[in-house]
All heavy atoms as atom14 arrays in JSON, in Angstrom:
{
  "sequence": "MGLGSTAKKIQMVSDRAEQMYKQVQELQQRIVSLEEEVDDTHQ",
  "atom14_mask": [
    [1, 1, 1, 1, 1, 1, 1, 1, 0, 0, 0, 0, 0, 0],
    [1, 1, 1, 1, 0, 0, 0, 0, 0, 0, 0, 0, 0, 0],
    [1, 1, 1, 1, 1, 1, 1, 1, 0, 0, 0, 0, 0, 0],
    [1, 1, 1, 1, 0, 0, 0, 0, 0, 0, 0, 0, 0, 0],
    [1, 1, 1, 1, 1, 1, 0, 0, 0, 0, 0, 0, 0, 0],
    [1, 1, 1, 1, 1, 1, 1, 0, 0, 0, 0, 0, 0, 0],
    [1, 1, 1, 1, 1, 0, 0, 0, 0, 0, 0, 0, 0, 0],
    [1, 1, 1, 1, 1, 1, 1, 1, 1, 0, 0, 0, 0, 0],
    [1, 1, 1, 1, 1, 1, 1, 1, 1, 0, 0, 0, 0, 0],
    [1, 1, 1, 1, 1, 1, 1, 1, 0, 0, 0, 0, 0, 0],
    [1, 1, 1, 1, 1, 1, 1, 1, 1, 0, 0, 0, 0, 0],
    [1, 1, 1, 1, 1, 1, 1, 1, 0, 0, 0, 0, 0, 0],
    [1, 1, 1, 1, 1, 1, 1, 0, 0, 0, 0, 0, 0, 0],
    [1, 1, 1, 1, 1, 1, 0, 0, 0, 0, 0, 0, 0, 0],
    [1, 1, 1, 1, 1, 1, 1, 1, 0, 0, 0, 0, 0, 0],
    [1, 1, 1, 1, 1, 1, 1, 1, 1, 1, 1, 0, 0, 0],
    [1, 1, 1, 1, 1, 0, 0, 0, 0, 0, 0, 0, 0, 0],
    [1, 1, 1, 1, 1, 1, 1, 1, 1, 0, 0, 0, 0, 0],
    [1, 1, 1, 1, 1, 1, 1, 1, 1, 0, 0, 0, 0, 0],
    [1, 1, 1, 1, 1, 1, 1, 1, 0, 0, 0, 0, 0, 0],
    [1, 1, 1, 1, 1, 1, 1, 1, 1, 1, 1, 1, 0, 0],
    [1, 1, 1, 1, 1, 1, 1, 1, 1, 0, 0, 0, 0, 0],
    [1, 1, 1, 1, 1, 1, 1, 1, 1, 0, 0, 0, 0, 0],
    [1, 1, 1, 1, 1, 1, 1, 0, 0, 0, 0, 0, 0, 0],
    [1, 1, 1, 1, 1, 1, 1, 1, 1, 0, 0, 0, 0, 0],
    [1, 1, 1, 1, 1, 1, 1, 1, 1, 0, 0, 0, 0, 0],
    [1, 1, 1, 1, 1, 1, 1, 1, 0, 0, 0, 0, 0, 0],
    [1, 1, 1, 1, 1, 1, 1, 1, 1, 0, 0, 0, 0, 0],
    [1, 1, 1, 1, 1, 1, 1, 1, 1, 0, 0, 0, 0, 0],
    [1, 1, 1, 1, 1, 1, 1, 1, 1, 1, 1, 0, 0, 0],
    [1, 1, 1, 1, 1, 1, 1, 1, 0, 0, 0, 0, 0, 0],
    [1, 1, 1, 1, 1, 1, 1, 0, 0, 0, 0, 0, 0, 0],
    [1, 1, 1, 1, 1, 1, 0, 0, 0, 0, 0, 0, 0, 0],
    [1, 1, 1, 1, 1, 1, 1, 1, 0, 0, 0, 0, 0, 0],
    [1, 1, 1, 1, 1, 1, 1, 1, 1, 0, 0, 0, 0, 0],
    [1, 1, 1, 1, 1, 1, 1, 1, 1, 0, 0, 0, 0, 0],
    [1, 1, 1, 1, 1, 1, 1, 1, 1, 0, 0, 0, 0, 0],
    [1, 1, 1, 1, 1, 1, 1, 0, 0, 0, 0, 0, 0, 0],
    [1, 1, 1, 1, 1, 1, 1, 1, 0, 0, 0, 0, 0, 0],
    [1, 1, 1, 1, 1, 1, 1, 1, 0, 0, 0, 0, 0, 0],
    [1, 1, 1, 1, 1, 1, 1, 0, 0, 0, 0, 0, 0, 0],
    [1, 1, 1, 1, 1, 1, 1, 1, 1, 1, 0, 0, 0, 0],
    [1, 1, 1, 1, 1, 1, 1, 1, 1, 0, 0, 0, 0, 0]
  ],
  "atom14_positions": [
    [[14.2, -25.88, -14.22], [14.35, -25.19, -12.96], [14.33, -23.68, -13.12], [13.92, -22.98, -12.2], [15.69, -25.58, -12.32], [15.63, -26.87, -11.6], [16.99, -26.94, -10.48], [17.63, -28.52, -10.87], [0.0, 0.0, 0.0], [0.0, 0.0, 0.0], [0.0, 0.0, 0.0], [0.0, 0.0, 0.0], [0.0, 0.0, 0.0], [0.0, 0.0, 0.0]],
    [[14.74, -23.14, -14.2], [14.8, -21.71, -14.42], [13.44, -21.05, -14.37], [13.28, -19.97, -13.84], [0.0, 0.0, 0.0], [0.0, 0.0, 0.0], [0.0, 0.0, 0.0], [0.0, 0.0, 0.0], [0.0, 0.0, 0.0], [0.0, 0.0, 0.0], [0.0, 0.0, 0.0], [0.0, 0.0, 0.0], [0.0, 0.0, 0.0], [0.0, 0.0, 0.0]],
    [[12.42, -21.73, -14.92], [11.07, -21.16, -14.92], [10.46, -21.15, -13.53], [9.74, -20.23, -13.17], [10.16, -21.93, -15.87], [10.48, -21.76, -17.36], [9.53, -22.63, -18.19], [10.35, -20.32, -17.78], [0.0, 0.0, 0.0], [0.0, 0.0, 0.0], [0.0, 0.0, 0.0], [0.0, 0.0, 0.0], [0.0, 0.0, 0.0], [0.0, 0.0, 0.0]],
    [[10.76, -22.16, -12.73], [10.22, -22.25, -11.38], [10.73, -21.14, -10.49], [9.98, -20.51, -9.75], [0.0, 0.0, 0.0], [0.0, 0.0, 0.0], [0.0, 0.0, 0.0], [0.0, 0.0, 0.0], [0.0, 0.0, 0.0], [0.0, 0.0, 0.0], [0.0, 0.0, 0.0], [0.0, 0.0, 0.0], [0.0, 0.0, 0.0], [0.0, 0.0, 0.0]],
    [[12.03, -20.86, -10.57], [12.58, -19.79, -9.73], [12.12, -18.42, -10.23], [11.91, -17.51, -9.43], [14.11, -19.87, -9.68], [14.68, -19.54, -10.93], [0.0, 0.0, 0.0], [0.0, 0.0, 0.0], [0.0, 0.0, 0.0], [0.0, 0.0, 0.0], [0.0, 0.0, 0.0], [0.0, 0.0, 0.0], [0.0, 0.0, 0.0], [0.0, 0.0, 0.0]],
    [[11.94, -18.28, -11.53], [11.44, -17.02, -12.07], [10.0, -16.79, -11.62], [9.64, -15.68, -11.21], [11.51, -17.02, -13.61], [12.86, -17.24, -14.01], [11.03, -15.7, -14.17], [0.0, 0.0, 0.0], [0.0, 0.0, 0.0], [0.0, 0.0, 0.0], [0.0, 0.0, 0.0], [0.0, 0.0, 0.0], [0.0, 0.0, 0.0], [0.0, 0.0, 0.0]],
    [[9.19, -17.84, -11.66], [7.8, -17.73, -11.21], [7.75, -17.38, -9.73], [6.93, -16.57, -9.29], [7.05, -19.02, -11.48], [0.0, 0.0, 0.0], [0.0, 0.0, 0.0], [0.0, 0.0, 0.0], [0.0, 0.0, 0.0], [0.0, 0.0, 0.0], [0.0, 0.0, 0.0], [0.0, 0.0, 0.0], [0.0, 0.0, 0.0], [0.0, 0.0, 0.0]],
    [[8.66, -17.96, -8.95], [8.72, -17.69, -7.52], [9.09, -16.22, -7.28], [8.51, -15.54, -6.42], [9.76, -18.61, -6.87], [9.65, -18.76, -5.4], [10.69, -19.75, -4.91], [10.11, -20.6, -3.81], [11.09, -21.53, -3.28], [0.0, 0.0, 0.0], [0.0, 0.0, 0.0], [0.0, 0.0, 0.0], [0.0, 0.0, 0.0], [0.0, 0.0, 0.0]],
    [[10.07, -15.71, -8.03], [10.49, -14.32, -7.88], [9.36, -13.38, -8.28], [9.13, -12.36, -7.62], [11.73, -14.04, -8.72], [12.98, -14.67, -8.18], [14.17, -14.38, -9.06], [15.41, -15.08, -8.54], [16.59, -14.86, -9.41], [0.0, 0.0, 0.0], [0.0, 0.0, 0.0], [0.0, 0.0, 0.0], [0.0, 0.0, 0.0], [0.0, 0.0, 0.0]],
    [[8.66, -13.72, -9.37], [7.54, -12.89, -9.81], [6.45, -12.88, -8.74], [5.86, -11.83, -8.45], [6.99, -13.37, -11.17], [8.01, -13.08, -12.26], [5.66, -12.72, -11.49], [7.66, -13.63, -13.62], [0.0, 0.0, 0.0], [0.0, 0.0, 0.0], [0.0, 0.0, 0.0], [0.0, 0.0, 0.0], [0.0, 0.0, 0.0], [0.0, 0.0, 0.0]],
    [[6.18, -14.01, -8.13], [5.18, -14.1, -7.08], [5.59, -13.26, -5.87], [4.77, -12.55, -5.27], [4.96, -15.56, -6.66], [3.86, -15.75, -5.62], [2.49, -15.3, -6.13], [2.12, -15.57, -7.27], [1.76, -14.59, -5.28], [0.0, 0.0, 0.0], [0.0, 0.0, 0.0], [0.0, 0.0, 0.0], [0.0, 0.0, 0.0], [0.0, 0.0, 0.0]],
    [[6.87, -13.3, -5.52], [7.37, -12.5, -4.39], [7.23, -11.01, -4.69], [6.8, -10.23, -3.83], [8.84, -12.84, -4.09], [9.03, -14.19, -3.41], [10.75, -14.72, -3.18], [11.58, -13.27, -2.65], [0.0, 0.0, 0.0], [0.0, 0.0, 0.0], [0.0, 0.0, 0.0], [0.0, 0.0, 0.0], [0.0, 0.0, 0.0], [0.0, 0.0, 0.0]],
    [[7.57, -10.61, -5.91], [7.45, -9.21, -6.3], [5.97, -8.8, -6.28], [5.62, -7.72, -5.81], [8.08, -8.97, -7.69], [7.72, -7.6, -8.23], [9.59, -9.14, -7.62], [0.0, 0.0, 0.0], [0.0, 0.0, 0.0], [0.0, 0.0, 0.0], [0.0, 0.0, 0.0], [0.0, 0.0, 0.0], [0.0, 0.0, 0.0], [0.0, 0.0, 0.0]],
    [[5.11, -9.69, -6.77], [3.67, -9.41, -6.79], [3.13, -9.27, -5.37], [2.35, -8.35, -5.09], [2.94, -10.53, -7.53], [1.56, -10.34, -7.45], [0.0, 0.0, 0.0], [0.0, 0.0, 0.0], [0.0, 0.0, 0.0], [0.0, 0.0, 0.0], [0.0, 0.0, 0.0], [0.0, 0.0, 0.0], [0.0, 0.0, 0.0], [0.0, 0.0, 0.0]],
    [[3.54, -10.15, -4.47], [3.1, -10.08, -3.07], [3.58, -8.77, -2.42], [2.82, -8.11, -1.71], [3.63, -11.28, -2.28], [2.97, -12.59, -2.67], [1.92, -12.56, -3.34], [3.52, -13.66, -2.31], [0.0, 0.0, 0.0], [0.0, 0.0, 0.0], [0.0, 0.0, 0.0], [0.0, 0.0, 0.0], [0.0, 0.0, 0.0], [0.0, 0.0, 0.0]],
    [[4.82, -8.43, -2.69], [5.37, -7.2, -2.11], [4.65, -5.97, -2.66], [4.34, -5.03, -1.92], [6.88, -7.11, -2.41], [7.55, -5.93, -1.79], [7.54, -6.03, -0.27], [8.19, -4.84, 0.27], [7.8, -4.22, 1.35], [6.79, -4.68, 2.05], [8.43, -3.16, 1.76], [0.0, 0.0, 0.0], [0.0, 0.0, 0.0], [0.0, 0.0, 0.0]],
    [[4.34, -5.97, -3.94], [3.61, -4.86, -4.56], [2.22, -4.73, -3.96], [1.73, -3.63, -3.7], [3.52, -5.05, -6.07], [0.0, 0.0, 0.0], [0.0, 0.0, 0.0], [0.0, 0.0, 0.0], [0.0, 0.0, 0.0], [0.0, 0.0, 0.0], [0.0, 0.0, 0.0], [0.0, 0.0, 0.0], [0.0, 0.0, 0.0], [0.0, 0.0, 0.0]],
    [[1.58, -5.88, -3.69], [0.25, -5.86, -3.08], [0.32, -5.29, -1.67], [-0.54, -4.49, -1.27], [-0.33, -7.28, -3.06], [-1.78, -7.33, -2.65], [-2.35, -8.74, -2.76], [-1.94, -9.49, -3.65], [-3.2, -9.06, -1.92], [0.0, 0.0, 0.0], [0.0, 0.0, 0.0], [0.0, 0.0, 0.0], [0.0, 0.0, 0.0], [0.0, 0.0, 0.0]],
    [[1.34, -5.67, -0.91], [1.53, -5.12, 0.44], [1.75, -3.61, 0.39], [1.15, -2.86, 1.18], [2.72, -5.78, 1.13], [2.52, -7.21, 1.54], [3.8, -7.81, 2.11], [4.9, -7.29, 1.89], [3.65, -8.91, 2.84], [0.0, 0.0, 0.0], [0.0, 0.0, 0.0], [0.0, 0.0, 0.0], [0.0, 0.0, 0.0], [0.0, 0.0, 0.0]],
    [[2.57, -3.17, -0.54], [2.85, -1.75, -0.66], [1.59, -0.99, -1.08], [1.34, 0.11, -0.59], [3.99, -1.51, -1.66], [5.34, -1.99, -1.13], [6.67, -1.76, -2.3], [6.82, 0.01, -2.29], [0.0, 0.0, 0.0], [0.0, 0.0, 0.0], [0.0, 0.0, 0.0], [0.0, 0.0, 0.0], [0.0, 0.0, 0.0], [0.0, 0.0, 0.0]],
    [[0.8, -1.58, -1.95], [-0.45, -0.95, -2.39], [-1.4, -0.78, -1.21], [-2.01, 0.27, -1.04], [-1.09, -1.77, -3.5], [-2.39, -1.18, -4.02], [-2.38, -0.06, -4.84], [-3.62, -1.73, -3.67], [-3.56, 0.5, -5.31], [-4.81, -1.18, -4.13], [-4.76, -0.07, -4.96], [-5.94, 0.47, -5.42], [0.0, 0.0, 0.0], [0.0, 0.0, 0.0]],
    [[-1.51, -1.81, -0.37], [-2.35, -1.72, 0.83], [-1.84, -0.63, 1.77], [-2.64, 0.12, 2.35], [-2.41, -3.07, 1.55], [-3.25, -4.11, 0.84], [-3.26, -5.42, 1.6], [-4.06, -6.48, 0.85], [-4.04, -7.77, 1.56], [0.0, 0.0, 0.0], [0.0, 0.0, 0.0], [0.0, 0.0, 0.0], [0.0, 0.0, 0.0], [0.0, 0.0, 0.0]],
    [[-0.53, -0.54, 1.93], [0.04, 0.49, 2.79], [-0.26, 1.89, 2.26], [-0.59, 2.8, 3.02], [1.55, 0.3, 2.93], [1.94, -0.87, 3.8], [3.44, -1.07, 3.86], [4.19, -0.62, 2.99], [3.9, -1.77, 4.9], [0.0, 0.0, 0.0], [0.0, 0.0, 0.0], [0.0, 0.0, 0.0], [0.0, 0.0, 0.0], [0.0, 0.0, 0.0]],
    [[-0.16, 2.04, 0.95], [-0.46, 3.33, 0.33], [-1.92, 3.69, 0.54], [-2.25, 4.84, 0.86], [-0.08, 3.34, -1.17], [-0.65, 4.56, -1.88], [1.43, 3.28, -1.34], [0.0, 0.0, 0.0], [0.0, 0.0, 0.0], [0.0, 0.0, 0.0], [0.0, 0.0, 0.0], [0.0, 0.0, 0.0], [0.0, 0.0, 0.0], [0.0, 0.0, 0.0]],
    [[-2.81, 2.72, 0.39], [-4.23, 2.98, 0.62], [-4.49, 3.4, 2.06], [-5.26, 4.33, 2.32], [-5.07, 1.74, 0.28], [-5.26, 1.5, -1.18], [-6.13, 0.27, -1.44], [-6.01, -0.74, -0.76], [-7.02, 0.39, -2.42], [0.0, 0.0, 0.0], [0.0, 0.0, 0.0], [0.0, 0.0, 0.0], [0.0, 0.0, 0.0], [0.0, 0.0, 0.0]],
    [[-3.86, 2.71, 3.01], [-4.0, 3.06, 4.42], [-3.49, 4.47, 4.69], [-4.12, 5.26, 5.42], [-3.27, 2.06, 5.3], [-3.92, 0.69, 5.35], [-3.09, -0.34, 6.1], [-2.04, 0.03, 6.69], [-3.48, -1.52, 6.09], [0.0, 0.0, 0.0], [0.0, 0.0, 0.0], [0.0, 0.0, 0.0], [0.0, 0.0, 0.0], [0.0, 0.0, 0.0]],
    [[-2.36, 4.81, 4.09], [-1.81, 6.15, 4.27], [-2.74, 7.21, 3.67], [-2.93, 8.28, 4.27], [-0.42, 6.25, 3.63], [0.7, 5.57, 4.39], [2.0, 5.61, 3.57], [0.92, 6.22, 5.74], [0.0, 0.0, 0.0], [0.0, 0.0, 0.0], [0.0, 0.0, 0.0], [0.0, 0.0, 0.0], [0.0, 0.0, 0.0], [0.0, 0.0, 0.0]],
    [[-3.33, 6.92, 2.53], [-4.27, 7.85, 1.92], [-5.47, 8.07, 2.84], [-5.93, 9.2, 3.02], [-4.74, 7.35, 0.55], [-3.7, 7.5, -0.54], [-4.17, 6.89, -1.86], [-4.96, 5.96, -1.89], [-3.64, 7.43, -2.96], [0.0, 0.0, 0.0], [0.0, 0.0, 0.0], [0.0, 0.0, 0.0], [0.0, 0.0, 0.0], [0.0, 0.0, 0.0]],
    [[-5.97, 6.98, 3.42], [-7.11, 7.1, 4.34], [-6.73, 7.92, 5.57], [-7.52, 8.75, 6.05], [-7.6, 5.71, 4.75], [-8.28, 4.96, 3.64], [-8.62, 3.52, 4.04], [-8.19, 3.02, 5.07], [-9.39, 2.84, 3.19], [0.0, 0.0, 0.0], [0.0, 0.0, 0.0], [0.0, 0.0, 0.0], [0.0, 0.0, 0.0], [0.0, 0.0, 0.0]],
    [[-5.53, 7.68, 6.08], [-5.08, 8.45, 7.24], [-4.93, 9.92, 6.91], [-5.29, 10.79, 7.71], [-3.75, 7.89, 7.76], [-3.9, 6.55, 8.45], [-2.58, 5.99, 8.9], [-1.97, 6.84, 9.91], [-0.73, 6.66, 10.36], [0.01, 5.67, 9.89], [-0.24, 7.47, 11.27], [0.0, 0.0, 0.0], [0.0, 0.0, 0.0], [0.0, 0.0, 0.0]],
    [[-4.42, 10.22, 5.72], [-4.26, 11.61, 5.31], [-5.61, 12.3, 5.19], [-5.79, 13.42, 5.65], [-3.46, 11.7, 3.99], [-2.0, 11.35, 4.25], [-3.56, 13.1, 3.38], [-1.17, 11.17, 2.99], [0.0, 0.0, 0.0], [0.0, 0.0, 0.0], [0.0, 0.0, 0.0], [0.0, 0.0, 0.0], [0.0, 0.0, 0.0], [0.0, 0.0, 0.0]],
    [[-6.57, 11.62, 4.57], [-7.91, 12.19, 4.44], [-8.52, 12.43, 5.81], [-9.1, 13.49, 6.08], [-8.81, 11.27, 3.58], [-10.26, 11.68, 3.67], [-8.35, 11.27, 2.13], [0.0, 0.0, 0.0], [0.0, 0.0, 0.0], [0.0, 0.0, 0.0], [0.0, 0.0, 0.0], [0.0, 0.0, 0.0], [0.0, 0.0, 0.0], [0.0, 0.0, 0.0]],
    [[-8.34, 11.47, 6.7], [-8.86, 11.61, 8.06], [-8.21, 12.79, 8.78], [-8.88, 13.58, 9.46], [-8.62, 10.32, 8.84], [-9.01, 10.45, 10.17], [0.0, 0.0, 0.0], [0.0, 0.0, 0.0], [0.0, 0.0, 0.0], [0.0, 0.0, 0.0], [0.0, 0.0, 0.0], [0.0, 0.0, 0.0], [0.0, 0.0, 0.0], [0.0, 0.0, 0.0]],
    [[-6.9, 12.92, 8.64], [-6.2, 14.04, 9.26], [-6.63, 15.38, 8.68], [-6.77, 16.36, 9.41], [-4.68, 13.87, 9.11], [-4.04, 12.81, 10.0], [-2.58, 12.61, 9.61], [-4.15, 13.2, 11.46], [0.0, 0.0, 0.0], [0.0, 0.0, 0.0], [0.0, 0.0, 0.0], [0.0, 0.0, 0.0], [0.0, 0.0, 0.0], [0.0, 0.0, 0.0]],
    [[-6.85, 15.42, 7.38], [-7.32, 16.66, 6.75], [-8.68, 17.06, 7.31], [-8.92, 18.23, 7.6], [-7.4, 16.5, 5.23], [-6.05, 16.48, 4.55], [-6.14, 16.18, 3.06], [-7.18, 15.65, 2.6], [-5.17, 16.49, 2.35], [0.0, 0.0, 0.0], [0.0, 0.0, 0.0], [0.0, 0.0, 0.0], [0.0, 0.0, 0.0], [0.0, 0.0, 0.0]],
    [[-9.57, 16.08, 7.47], [-10.89, 16.36, 8.03], [-10.76, 16.85, 9.47], [-11.44, 17.79, 9.89], [-11.77, 15.11, 7.97], [-12.18, 14.72, 6.56], [-12.88, 13.37, 6.49], [-12.98, 12.68, 7.53], [-13.31, 13.0, 5.38], [0.0, 0.0, 0.0], [0.0, 0.0, 0.0], [0.0, 0.0, 0.0], [0.0, 0.0, 0.0], [0.0, 0.0, 0.0]],
    [[-9.88, 16.21, 10.21], [-9.67, 16.6, 11.61], [-9.1, 18.01, 11.7], [-9.5, 18.8, 12.56], [-8.72, 15.6, 12.28], [-8.71, 15.66, 13.77], [-7.93, 14.52, 14.4], [-7.96, 13.41, 13.85], [-7.3, 14.77, 15.43], [0.0, 0.0, 0.0], [0.0, 0.0, 0.0], [0.0, 0.0, 0.0], [0.0, 0.0, 0.0], [0.0, 0.0, 0.0]],
    [[-8.18, 18.35, 10.82], [-7.6, 19.69, 10.8], [-8.69, 20.72, 10.47], [-8.76, 21.78, 11.09], [-6.43, 19.78, 9.8], [-6.05, 21.23, 9.52], [-5.22, 19.02, 10.33], [0.0, 0.0, 0.0], [0.0, 0.0, 0.0], [0.0, 0.0, 0.0], [0.0, 0.0, 0.0], [0.0, 0.0, 0.0], [0.0, 0.0, 0.0], [0.0, 0.0, 0.0]],
    [[-9.54, 20.39, 9.5], [-10.64, 21.3, 9.15], [-11.58, 21.51, 10.33], [-11.99, 22.63, 10.62], [-11.42, 20.76, 7.94], [-10.64, 20.87, 6.64], [-9.66, 21.64, 6.59], [-11.02, 20.17, 5.67], [0.0, 0.0, 0.0], [0.0, 0.0, 0.0], [0.0, 0.0, 0.0], [0.0, 0.0, 0.0], [0.0, 0.0, 0.0], [0.0, 0.0, 0.0]],
    [[-11.92, 20.41, 11.02], [-12.79, 20.51, 12.19], [-12.14, 21.36, 13.28], [-12.8, 22.21, 13.9], [-13.12, 19.12, 12.74], [-14.04, 18.32, 11.85], [-14.66, 18.92, 10.93], [-14.13, 17.09, 12.04], [0.0, 0.0, 0.0], [0.0, 0.0, 0.0], [0.0, 0.0, 0.0], [0.0, 0.0, 0.0], [0.0, 0.0, 0.0], [0.0, 0.0, 0.0]],
    [[-10.85, 21.14, 13.5], [-10.12, 21.89, 14.52], [-10.08, 23.37, 14.15], [-10.26, 24.24, 15.01], [-8.7, 21.34, 14.69], [-8.78, 19.95, 15.05], [-7.93, 22.09, 15.75], [0.0, 0.0, 0.0], [0.0, 0.0, 0.0], [0.0, 0.0, 0.0], [0.0, 0.0, 0.0], [0.0, 0.0, 0.0], [0.0, 0.0, 0.0], [0.0, 0.0, 0.0]],
    [[-9.86, 23.65, 12.88], [-9.83, 25.04, 12.41], [-11.17, 25.72, 12.66], [-11.22, 26.87, 13.14], [-9.47, 25.08, 10.92], [-9.43, 26.45, 10.34], [-8.43, 27.35, 10.66], [-10.25, 27.08, 9.49], [-8.66, 28.48, 10.01], [-9.76, 28.34, 9.29], [0.0, 0.0, 0.0], [0.0, 0.0, 0.0], [0.0, 0.0, 0.0], [0.0, 0.0, 0.0]],
    [[-12.25, 25.03, 12.36], [-13.58, 25.59, 12.6], [-13.81, 25.82, 14.09], [-14.37, 26.85, 14.49], [-14.66, 24.67, 12.03], [-14.68, 24.62, 10.52], [-15.66, 23.57, 9.99], [-16.29, 22.85, 10.74], [-15.76, 23.5, 8.66], [0.0, 0.0, 0.0], [0.0, 0.0, 0.0], [0.0, 0.0, 0.0], [0.0, 0.0, 0.0], [0.0, 0.0, 0.0]]
  ]
}
């Protein structure tokens, strides 16, 4: 039973890390988009 719960916890951590990675990518895209928009507005 110990290995099963450990595998489950590792899977949960892996899923959460994947979600966080996707959120970071989305935030990076939003930041790049905002930077472009600020540059356009400045011009």
